[in-house]
Amino acid sequence: MKLTRLSLVGVVFIGIGAACGIIQYVFYGWIDADGFIHDSLFLPLSYLFLFAGALLLVISILINLSGRFKRNG
């Protein structure tokens, strides 16, 4: 599979999502004595970037496969 601009953006988004998840895990997420969860904005951002990156990769793969089917017949 050829690395297109769309798939490159998808991989970058997945990388940003992973970095946000690591930042959340290392620096921000904890549970206090009362059982209250303390989270930052990095947790939803990590899920958002991971989902968007995966979606872009799937779209890129589908575009690549549809181009192959059009060329073959």
Protein backbone atom coordinates (compact mmCIF):
# COMPACT_ATOMS: atom_id res chain seq x y z
CA MET A 1 0.00 0.00 0.00
CA LYS A 2 1.28 3.40 -0.99
CA LEU A 3 1.59 6.01 1.78
CA THR A 4 -0.78 8.76 0.70
CA ARG A 5 -1.32 12.10 2.35
CA LEU A 6 -4.55 10.85 3.92
CA SER A 7 -2.91 7.79 5.45
CA LEU A 8 0.01 9.93 6.67
CA VAL A 9 -2.41 12.27 8.45
CA GLY A 10 -4.13 9.22 9.96
CA VAL A 11 -0.84 7.89 11.32
CA VAL A 12 0.04 11.34 12.71
CA PHE A 13 -3.38 11.55 14.42
CA ILE A 14 -2.88 8.12 15.98
CA GLY A 15 0.54 9.25 17.20
CA ILE A 16 -0.92 12.42 18.72
CA GLY A 17 -3.67 10.36 20.36
CA ALA A 18 -1.13 7.96 21.83
CA ALA A 19 0.95 10.89 23.11
CA CYS A 20 -2.13 12.46 24.74
CA GLY A 21 -2.96 9.11 26.36
CA ILE A 22 0.56 8.76 27.72
CA ILE A 23 0.50 12.34 29.06
CA GLN A 24 -2.85 11.63 30.74
CA TYR A 25 -1.58 8.41 32.29
CA VAL A 26 1.72 9.82 33.52
CA PHE A 27 0.77 13.28 34.74
CA TYR A 28 -2.96 13.72 35.33
CA GLY A 29 -5.22 10.74 36.05
CA TRP A 30 -5.78 9.92 39.71
CA ILE A 31 -8.51 9.01 42.18
CA ASP A 32 -8.66 10.97 45.43
CA ALA A 33 -9.57 9.66 48.90
CA ASP A 34 -13.30 10.29 48.32
CA GLY A 35 -13.30 8.19 45.13
CA PHE A 36 -13.53 11.19 42.79
CA ILE A 37 -11.74 10.72 39.46
CA HIS A 38 -9.53 13.62 38.41
CA ASP A 39 -8.96 13.77 34.67
CA SER A 40 -7.70 16.39 32.29
CA LEU A 41 -8.59 17.27 28.75
CA PHE A 42 -5.94 14.86 27.46
CA LEU A 43 -8.17 11.79 27.97
CA PRO A 44 -10.98 12.85 25.61
CA LEU A 45 -8.42 14.28 23.20
CA SER A 46 -6.60 10.97 23.07
CA TYR A 47 -9.81 9.10 22.20
CA LEU A 48 -10.76 11.74 19.64
CA PHE A 49 -7.40 11.64 17.87
CA LEU A 50 -7.20 7.83 17.97
CA PHE A 51 -10.70 7.48 16.50
CA ALA A 52 -10.09 10.14 13.83
CA GLY A 53 -6.75 8.56 12.87
CA ALA A 54 -8.23 5.10 12.61
CA LEU A 55 -11.13 6.45 10.55
CA LEU A 56 -8.74 8.22 8.17
CA LEU A 57 -6.69 5.05 7.75
CA VAL A 58 -9.81 3.01 6.97
CA ILE A 59 -10.94 5.62 4.43
CA SER A 60 -7.48 5.62 2.86
CA ILE A 61 -7.51 1.82 2.59
CA LEU A 62 -10.98 1.85 1.04
CA ILE A 63 -9.94 4.50 -1.52
CA ASN A 64 -6.85 2.45 -2.35
CA LEU A 65 -8.88 -0.75 -2.78
CA SER A 66 -11.54 0.93 -4.91
CA GLY A 67 -8.80 2.32 -7.18
CA ARG A 68 -7.36 -1.16 -7.63
CA PHE A 69 -10.75 -2.62 -8.54
CA LYS A 70 -11.39 0.16 -11.07
CA ARG A 71 -8.04 -0.44 -12.78
CA ASN A 72 -8.50 -4.23 -12.92
CA GLY A 73 -11.82 -4.24 -14.43
